[in-house]
Each structure stands twice: as structure tokens, then as C-alpha cells.
Amino acid sequence: MAGTAFDLRRPLRIAEALARPGADGGYDHNFVLSPHGDGTLRRAAVLHAPATGRCMEVLTTEPGLQVYTAGQFDGTVLGKSGTPYRAGADIALETQHFSDSPNRPGDPSPVLRPGAEYRSRTVLRFRTRG
């Protein structure tokens, strides 16, 4: 999907990605992390705030990353100190299985049978660039 809103292989501003074809005002999509399914902790995402130098790195054993940018917010909902919530003003990264996995035999299974144990690991690393 080169050149679309879903091509996040190189660093770019969220606003730039959301301006690309297919973004439809925001993300609420599950990205497939590759390779997946073997339980290895892998980097899923890196967020960087150029103004502050803060970085957040997300590592996970999960096969997918749900990315949500609140595309439906139009400023009518107010947050802390009366700040209006606007589309794209926030981002949520949720490590998980694929939402349609139960219906897709080739996907990693989210089914947990009685007596089985489920293990998952997600690590958030914070740092500043200097």
C-alpha cells in the first residue's frame, strides 16, 4: 500500500499520514506486525515528539497493533481544563490479536481453551532524544 495512509514504513508526522488517500479522517485499524505468532518480543511502533525530543517505543509479542486517532472528534467534546478534543489530536496504540481472527483460520488464534494458559508481553520504552 505504498503512498497510502497505511504506508508507515518510514517516519512521518501523523497529520501527513492522515492526509493520504484512504485515511478517512483518522485511524481505527489493526496493523499486522510481521513476522508474528512466534512469541518473540518485537518493535511494533515508535512515536517521536520533535518539539520535546520525547520518544515512545512499543514492543510486543502480539501479532497486531490497533491504531486509533479519534478521527470522529470535532471539538464539541471538552476535556481537561475545557480543551476541545479534535480529530487526530491524540493516538492510542493497542497491542492485540486481529479482530476477525476467529473467522480466519490462517490468522493466529485468539481462542483460549479451558485449562490453557495465555501469555503476552508488551513493553513501553520512553526516552528523550538529545
Protein backbone atom coordinates (compact mmCIF):
# COMPACT_ATOMS: atom_id res chain seq x y z
CA MET A 1 0.00 0.00 0.00
CA ALA A 2 2.81 2.38 -0.87
CA GLY A 3 1.85 6.03 -0.69
CA THR A 4 -1.42 5.41 1.16
CA ALA A 5 -2.34 6.31 4.72
CA PHE A 6 -1.32 2.77 5.69
CA ASP A 7 2.28 3.02 4.49
CA LEU A 8 4.05 3.67 7.80
CA ARG A 9 7.39 2.11 6.91
CA ARG A 10 9.25 5.40 7.28
CA PRO A 11 8.91 8.10 9.93
CA LEU A 12 6.31 10.77 9.16
CA ARG A 13 4.00 13.08 11.04
CA ILE A 14 0.62 11.62 11.91
CA ALA A 15 -1.06 14.60 10.19
CA GLU A 16 0.87 13.76 7.00
CA ALA A 17 -0.23 10.12 7.13
CA LEU A 18 -3.86 11.11 7.76
CA ALA A 19 -3.81 13.43 4.74
CA ARG A 20 -3.02 10.49 2.44
CA PRO A 21 -5.66 8.59 0.45
CA GLY A 22 -7.69 6.13 2.50
CA ALA A 23 -7.29 7.73 5.92
CA ASP A 24 -10.91 8.88 6.01
CA GLY A 25 -10.23 11.32 8.83
CA GLY A 26 -8.37 9.00 11.14
CA TYR A 27 -7.15 5.56 12.05
CA ASP A 28 -9.13 2.86 13.77
CA HIS A 29 -7.25 -0.01 12.15
CA ASN A 30 -5.34 -3.10 13.15
CA PHE A 31 -1.88 -3.32 11.62
CA VAL A 32 -0.38 -6.78 11.10
CA LEU A 33 3.06 -7.00 12.68
CA SER A 34 5.44 -9.08 10.66
CA PRO A 35 6.68 -11.65 11.40
CA HIS A 36 4.12 -12.62 14.00
CA GLY A 37 2.88 -15.53 16.03
CA ASP A 38 6.08 -16.98 17.46
CA GLY A 39 6.01 -15.19 20.83
CA THR A 40 9.14 -13.12 20.15
CA LEU A 41 9.16 -9.56 21.55
CA ARG A 42 9.37 -7.23 18.51
CA ARG A 43 9.16 -3.50 17.90
CA ALA A 44 5.65 -2.52 16.80
CA ALA A 45 5.82 1.29 16.78
CA VAL A 46 7.88 4.34 17.64
CA LEU A 47 6.38 7.74 18.37
CA HIS A 48 8.55 10.82 18.48
CA ALA A 49 7.61 14.37 19.55
CA PRO A 50 10.07 16.66 17.76
CA ALA A 51 9.21 19.70 19.92
CA THR A 52 10.22 17.94 23.16
CA GLY A 53 12.51 15.16 21.94
CA ARG A 54 10.39 12.57 23.76
CA CYS A 55 10.12 9.10 22.21
CA MET A 56 7.95 6.12 22.99
CA GLU A 57 8.77 2.70 21.60
CA VAL A 58 6.22 -0.14 21.71
CA LEU A 59 7.44 -3.74 21.70
CA THR A 60 5.09 -6.71 21.85
CA THR A 61 4.65 -10.43 21.39
CA GLU A 62 1.14 -9.80 20.00
CA PRO A 63 0.56 -10.22 16.24
CA GLY A 64 -1.29 -6.92 15.73
CA LEU A 65 -1.33 -3.27 16.70
CA GLN A 66 -4.63 -1.37 16.75
CA VAL A 67 -4.00 2.31 15.96
CA TYR A 68 -6.72 4.80 16.88
CA THR A 69 -6.55 8.57 16.30
CA ALA A 70 -10.06 9.73 17.31
CA GLY A 71 -10.98 10.80 13.78
CA GLN A 72 -14.60 11.46 14.69
CA PHE A 73 -13.86 14.15 17.30
CA ASP A 74 -14.91 17.59 16.07
CA GLY A 75 -14.13 19.83 19.05
CA THR A 76 -17.56 19.62 20.65
CA VAL A 77 -16.37 17.28 23.42
CA LEU A 78 -14.30 19.09 26.02
CA GLY A 79 -11.50 17.54 28.03
CA LYS A 80 -9.40 18.67 30.94
CA SER A 81 -9.50 22.44 31.54
CA GLY A 82 -12.07 22.83 28.75
CA THR A 83 -9.69 21.75 25.99
CA PRO A 84 -11.68 20.67 22.91
CA TYR A 85 -10.99 17.17 21.58
CA ARG A 86 -10.26 17.40 17.86
CA ALA A 87 -9.68 14.74 15.19
CA GLY A 88 -6.12 13.46 15.19
CA ALA A 89 -5.18 15.28 18.40
CA ASP A 90 -4.45 12.00 20.16
CA ILE A 91 -3.29 8.50 19.37
CA ALA A 92 -3.85 5.14 21.05
CA LEU A 93 -1.73 2.08 20.33
CA GLU A 94 -3.24 -1.22 21.46
CA THR A 95 -1.33 -4.49 21.06
CA GLN A 96 -3.69 -7.35 20.31
CA HIS A 97 -4.78 -10.21 18.07
CA PHE A 98 -6.62 -9.43 14.84
CA SER A 99 -10.27 -8.54 15.37
CA ASP A 100 -11.50 -11.04 12.75
CA SER A 101 -9.18 -13.90 13.80
CA PRO A 102 -11.96 -16.27 14.88
CA ASN A 103 -13.24 -16.23 11.28
CA ARG A 104 -9.87 -16.54 9.56
CA PRO A 105 -8.16 -19.93 10.01
CA GLY A 106 -4.79 -18.61 8.76
CA ASP A 107 -4.56 -15.92 11.46
CA PRO A 108 -3.03 -16.52 14.90
CA SER A 109 -5.86 -17.89 17.04
CA PRO A 110 -7.21 -15.78 19.91
CA VAL A 111 -9.10 -18.80 21.31
CA LEU A 112 -8.12 -19.89 24.81
CA ARG A 113 -9.32 -23.37 25.73
CA PRO A 114 -10.21 -24.39 29.31
CA GLY A 115 -7.07 -25.12 31.29
CA ALA A 116 -4.80 -23.42 28.74
CA GLU A 117 -2.53 -20.55 29.69
CA TYR A 118 -2.19 -17.32 27.72
CA ARG A 119 0.95 -15.23 27.88
CA SER A 120 1.54 -11.91 26.20
CA ARG A 121 4.12 -9.21 26.74
CA THR A 122 4.07 -5.56 25.78
CA VAL A 123 6.88 -3.17 26.71
CA LEU A 124 6.71 0.63 26.51
CA ARG A 125 10.11 2.31 26.42
CA PHE A 126 10.39 6.06 26.97
CA ARG A 127 13.41 8.20 26.28
CA THR A 128 14.43 11.63 25.07
CA ARG A 129 16.46 12.33 22.00
CA GLY A 130 19.33 14.67 22.63
